[in-house]
Protein backbone atom coordinates (compact mmCIF):
# COMPACT_ATOMS: atom_id res chain seq x y z
CA MET A 1 -0.18 0.12 0.02
CA GLU A 2 1.60 3.44 -1.18
CA LYS A 3 2.32 5.52 1.71
CA SER A 4 -0.15 8.25 1.41
CA SER A 5 -3.34 5.46 0.81
CA ILE A 6 -5.14 4.38 3.95
CA ILE A 7 -7.51 2.38 1.77
CA GLU A 8 -7.22 -0.32 -1.10
CA ILE A 9 -9.75 -2.53 -2.55
CA ASN A 10 -8.74 -4.91 -4.74
CA ASN A 11 -11.01 -7.53 -6.95
CA LEU A 12 -13.59 -7.24 -4.57
CA ILE A 13 -16.98 -8.65 -4.47
CA LYS A 14 -19.66 -9.07 -2.27
CA ARG A 15 -23.10 -11.75 -2.94
CA PHE A 16 -25.85 -11.89 -0.67
CA PRO A 17 -27.96 -15.34 -0.46
CA VAL A 18 -30.88 -14.83 -1.89
CA GLY A 19 -33.66 -18.06 -2.23
CA GLY A 20 -31.72 -20.64 -3.51
CA GLY A 21 -29.33 -18.70 -5.33
CA PHE A 22 -27.65 -15.64 -4.58
CA PHE A 23 -27.54 -11.62 -5.50
CA THR A 24 -24.17 -10.07 -6.40
CA ALA A 25 -24.53 -6.32 -4.55
CA LEU A 26 -20.51 -5.98 -5.76
CA ASP A 27 -19.05 -6.89 -8.59
CA ASP A 28 -15.11 -6.72 -8.83
CA ILE A 29 -14.38 -3.12 -7.13
CA ASN A 30 -10.86 -1.93 -7.41
CA LEU A 31 -10.48 1.20 -5.99
CA SER A 32 -7.81 3.15 -4.17
CA PHE A 33 -8.54 6.06 -1.46
CA SER A 34 -5.96 8.64 0.20
CA LYS A 35 -6.11 10.69 3.23
CA GLY A 36 -7.73 13.68 3.28
CA GLU A 37 -9.75 13.17 0.77
CA PHE A 38 -13.46 14.10 0.63
CA THR A 39 -15.19 11.39 -1.64
CA GLY A 40 -18.81 10.01 -2.46
CA ILE A 41 -19.94 7.10 -3.42
CA VAL A 42 -22.97 7.56 -5.32
CA GLY A 43 -25.45 6.11 -7.19
CA PRO A 44 -29.20 5.26 -7.00
CA SER A 45 -30.74 2.77 -4.44
CA GLY A 46 -29.60 -0.91 -4.87
CA SER A 47 -26.48 0.09 -6.49
CA GLY A 48 -23.83 -1.05 -3.52
CA LYS A 49 -23.51 2.23 -2.09
CA THR A 50 -23.92 1.07 1.53
CA THR A 51 -22.54 -2.52 1.41
CA LEU A 52 -19.49 -1.07 0.08
CA LEU A 53 -19.35 1.15 3.14
CA ASN A 54 -20.09 -1.60 5.62
CA ILE A 55 -16.95 -3.26 4.18
CA LEU A 56 -14.79 -0.50 4.61
CA GLY A 57 -16.24 0.16 7.91
CA SER A 58 -15.74 -3.74 9.24
CA LEU A 59 -19.37 -4.23 9.70
CA ASP A 60 -19.74 -6.44 6.55
CA VAL A 61 -17.00 -8.86 4.93
CA PRO A 62 -16.05 -9.55 1.41
CA THR A 63 -17.00 -12.55 -0.45
CA GLU A 64 -13.80 -12.51 -2.70
CA GLY A 65 -11.25 -10.05 -2.92
CA GLU A 66 -10.04 -7.83 -0.56
CA ALA A 67 -10.39 -4.20 0.97
CA THR A 68 -7.51 -3.35 3.00
CA VAL A 69 -8.54 0.05 5.58
CA LEU A 70 -5.80 1.39 7.75
CA ASP A 71 -3.27 -1.67 6.75
CA LYS A 72 -5.88 -4.12 8.10
CA LYS A 73 -7.02 -6.93 5.85
CA ILE A 74 -10.86 -6.64 6.68
CA SER A 75 -11.62 -10.23 5.64
CA THR A 76 -8.76 -11.21 8.27
CA LEU A 77 -10.00 -9.64 11.14
CA SER A 78 -11.69 -11.36 14.21
CA HIS A 79 -14.98 -9.55 15.51
CA LYS A 80 -12.64 -8.19 18.32
CA GLN A 81 -10.17 -7.09 15.54
CA ALA A 82 -12.94 -5.24 13.70
CA ALA A 83 -14.17 -3.56 16.88
CA GLN A 84 -10.99 -2.63 17.35
CA LEU A 85 -10.45 -1.02 14.17
CA ARG A 86 -13.95 0.90 14.52
CA ASN A 87 -13.69 2.18 17.94
CA GLY A 88 -10.11 3.44 17.52
CA HIS A 89 -9.92 5.05 13.74
CA ILE A 90 -13.28 4.71 12.11
CA GLY A 91 -15.81 7.83 12.85
CA PHE A 92 -19.87 6.62 11.50
CA ILE A 93 -22.34 8.91 10.42
CA PHE A 94 -26.20 7.59 9.78
CA GLN A 95 -28.82 9.28 8.16
CA THR A 96 -31.08 8.29 11.36
CA TYR A 97 -28.62 9.97 14.02
CA ASN A 98 -28.68 7.36 16.17
CA LEU A 99 -28.22 9.31 18.80
CA LEU A 100 -29.40 7.72 22.98
CA PRO A 101 -32.18 9.09 23.90
CA VAL A 102 -31.61 9.16 27.46
CA TYR A 103 -28.42 10.94 27.66
CA THR A 104 -27.45 14.43 26.74
CA VAL A 105 -25.42 15.73 24.35
CA TYR A 106 -22.31 15.85 26.31
CA GLU A 107 -23.16 12.03 27.49
CA ASN A 108 -23.66 10.94 23.34
CA VAL A 109 -20.58 12.52 22.13
CA GLU A 110 -18.69 11.25 25.47
CA PHE A 111 -19.58 7.64 24.23
CA PRO A 112 -16.98 6.65 21.78
CA LEU A 113 -14.17 7.71 24.26
CA LEU A 114 -15.53 5.87 27.10
CA LEU A 115 -15.21 2.69 25.12
CA LEU A 116 -11.63 3.54 24.73
CA LYS A 117 -11.09 4.28 28.06
CA MET A 118 -9.74 7.71 27.97
CA PRO A 119 -8.87 9.41 31.37
CA ALA A 120 -11.78 11.68 32.33
CA ARG A 121 -9.69 15.07 32.23
CA GLU A 122 -8.57 14.66 28.41
CA ARG A 123 -11.76 13.16 27.88
CA GLU A 124 -14.05 15.97 28.70
CA LYS A 125 -11.21 18.51 26.80
CA ALA A 126 -11.79 16.29 23.84
CA VAL A 127 -15.91 16.44 24.32
CA GLN A 128 -15.67 20.32 24.49
CA GLU A 129 -13.51 20.37 21.71
CA ALA A 130 -15.95 18.15 19.26
CA ILE A 131 -19.38 19.94 20.39
CA GLU A 132 -17.60 23.24 19.65
CA TRP A 133 -16.54 22.27 16.22
CA VAL A 134 -20.27 21.94 15.36
CA GLY A 135 -21.38 24.97 17.09
CA LEU A 136 -23.77 23.24 19.87
CA THR A 137 -21.88 24.40 23.28
CA ASP A 138 -25.20 25.87 24.30
CA LYS A 139 -26.83 22.80 23.75
CA ILE A 140 -24.60 20.75 25.85
CA LYS A 141 -26.80 19.49 28.98
CA SER A 142 -30.08 19.13 25.80
CA LYS A 143 -31.54 15.51 24.88
CA PRO A 144 -32.13 14.29 21.85
CA ALA A 145 -35.77 15.27 21.99
CA GLN A 146 -35.16 18.55 22.44
CA LEU A 147 -33.11 19.07 19.65
CA SER A 148 -33.50 20.07 15.69
CA GLY A 149 -32.75 17.37 13.20
CA GLY A 150 -30.28 19.42 12.04
CA GLU A 151 -28.79 19.76 15.74
CA SER A 152 -29.54 15.83 15.88
CA GLN A 153 -26.86 15.30 12.71
CA ARG A 154 -24.00 17.97 14.12
CA VAL A 155 -24.34 15.87 17.65
CA ALA A 156 -23.77 12.77 15.38
CA ILE A 157 -20.94 14.66 13.63
CA ALA A 158 -19.13 15.36 16.89
CA ARG A 159 -19.65 11.80 18.46
CA ALA A 160 -18.23 10.70 14.64
CA MET A 161 -15.32 13.06 14.93
CA VAL A 162 -14.59 13.04 18.82
CA LYS A 163 -11.85 10.46 18.85
CA LYS A 164 -10.54 12.16 15.89
CA PRO A 165 -10.55 9.70 13.51
CA GLU A 166 -8.25 8.45 10.44
CA LEU A 167 -11.58 7.90 8.40
CA VAL A 168 -15.10 9.46 8.75
CA LEU A 169 -18.17 6.66 6.97
CA ALA A 170 -21.23 8.75 5.97
CA ASP A 171 -24.25 6.99 4.91
CA GLU A 172 -26.87 9.35 3.35
CA PRO A 173 -26.38 11.80 6.09
CA THR A 174 -28.55 14.57 4.75
CA ALA A 175 -31.09 12.57 3.85
CA ASN A 176 -33.76 13.41 6.81
CA LEU A 177 -32.57 16.89 6.89
CA ASP A 178 -33.83 20.19 4.56
CA SER A 179 -31.90 22.30 2.46
CA GLU A 180 -30.68 24.87 4.70
CA ASN A 181 -29.74 22.19 7.23
CA SER A 182 -27.69 20.06 4.84
CA HIS A 183 -25.73 23.02 3.67
CA HIS A 184 -25.05 23.57 7.22
CA ILE A 185 -23.86 19.83 7.96
CA LEU A 186 -22.25 19.71 4.50
CA ARG A 187 -20.00 23.26 5.52
CA THR A 188 -19.18 21.31 9.19
CA MET A 189 -17.85 18.42 7.35
CA GLU A 190 -15.57 19.96 4.69
CA LYS A 191 -14.29 21.98 7.56
CA LEU A 192 -13.13 19.28 9.54
CA ASN A 193 -11.70 17.50 6.69
CA ASN A 194 -9.80 20.67 5.96
CA ASP A 195 -8.11 21.33 9.64
CA LEU A 196 -7.83 18.04 10.71
CA ASN A 197 -7.26 16.32 7.21
CA THR A 198 -9.92 13.49 7.98
CA THR A 199 -10.80 11.35 5.28
CA PHE A 200 -14.47 11.51 4.59
CA ILE A 201 -16.29 8.94 2.33
CA PHE A 202 -19.89 9.52 1.66
CA ALA A 203 -22.92 7.33 0.70
CA THR A 204 -25.07 9.29 -1.08
CA HIS A 205 -27.26 10.42 -4.27
CA ASP A 206 -28.21 13.79 -3.16
CA GLU A 207 -26.94 16.08 -5.59
CA LYS A 208 -26.62 18.67 -2.42
CA VAL A 209 -23.96 16.72 -1.32
CA MET A 210 -22.32 16.06 -4.57
CA SER A 211 -22.04 19.56 -4.77
CA TYR A 212 -19.41 19.73 -2.00
CA LEU A 213 -17.50 16.59 -3.20
CA LYS A 214 -13.78 16.66 -4.14
CA ARG A 215 -14.18 12.85 -6.19
CA ILE A 216 -17.26 11.06 -7.26
CA ILE A 217 -17.47 7.51 -7.74
CA ARG A 218 -20.46 6.29 -9.34
CA LEU A 219 -21.67 2.72 -8.55
CA GLU A 220 -24.16 1.13 -11.09
CA ASP A 221 -25.43 -2.45 -10.65
CA GLY A 222 -22.56 -2.77 -8.14
CA GLN A 223 -19.91 -1.59 -10.11
CA VAL A 224 -17.61 1.22 -10.81
CA VAL A 225 -19.06 3.34 -13.78
CA LYS A 226 -17.27 6.02 -13.26
CA ASP A 227 -14.49 7.81 -10.96
CA ASP A 228 -13.95 11.41 -11.32
CA TRP A 229 -11.88 13.94 -9.53
CA MET A 230 -13.85 17.09 -9.39
CA GLU A 231 -10.83 19.32 -8.90
CA LEU A 232 -9.00 18.32 -11.93
CA LYS A 233 -12.59 18.69 -14.07
CA GLU A 234 -12.57 22.43 -12.99
CA ALA A 235 -8.84 23.03 -13.92
CA ALA A 236 -9.22 21.27 -17.26
CA SER A 237 -12.53 23.30 -17.90
């Protein structure tokens, strides 16, 4: 793996059993991602976007081929090793927020650091910093039921970023948001990408998300049909 490359995908195939046969969700995928990318995997429902994201996040494994994420071969990891990779190095942002309803904003953001057994003083500093990143210091004691959709998603971003992961995987992060909140969320993630050089990979079919991306990988029927670097396109035009 090249030094700047944090993900290598080689001849990856993912099949799921359906009835008496199999459905091929991903078909011979070959991709590489470098540190600091702000990239989207785009395509219609059923194209394989979420399946690919799940494999990159060590939530699933390839049927054939390999995905190497942060120098770890996903197919060779035990359940414990996969959990360690996720907990220590990968942040997740989902369309449904997945906040714990009985916890405050502070406690929701703190949760990943408790799993890492981070010392209390260091943990407090990291949580407050993450909440400041997303502009929710005034909501630090609020619970999810007291937040708007946009605020809830910003808490989810803070929770994903609090451990300063090398990689953030975002699955349709704007799906439940209006246009104004979508742009606020995307600008927040764009700033974190620039400031911390965190790699962001989105699964999306939202045109608003696509307008922020530096690279767009298009999937159709489980295959890569296009891989465009937006900066290069703009420079050439």
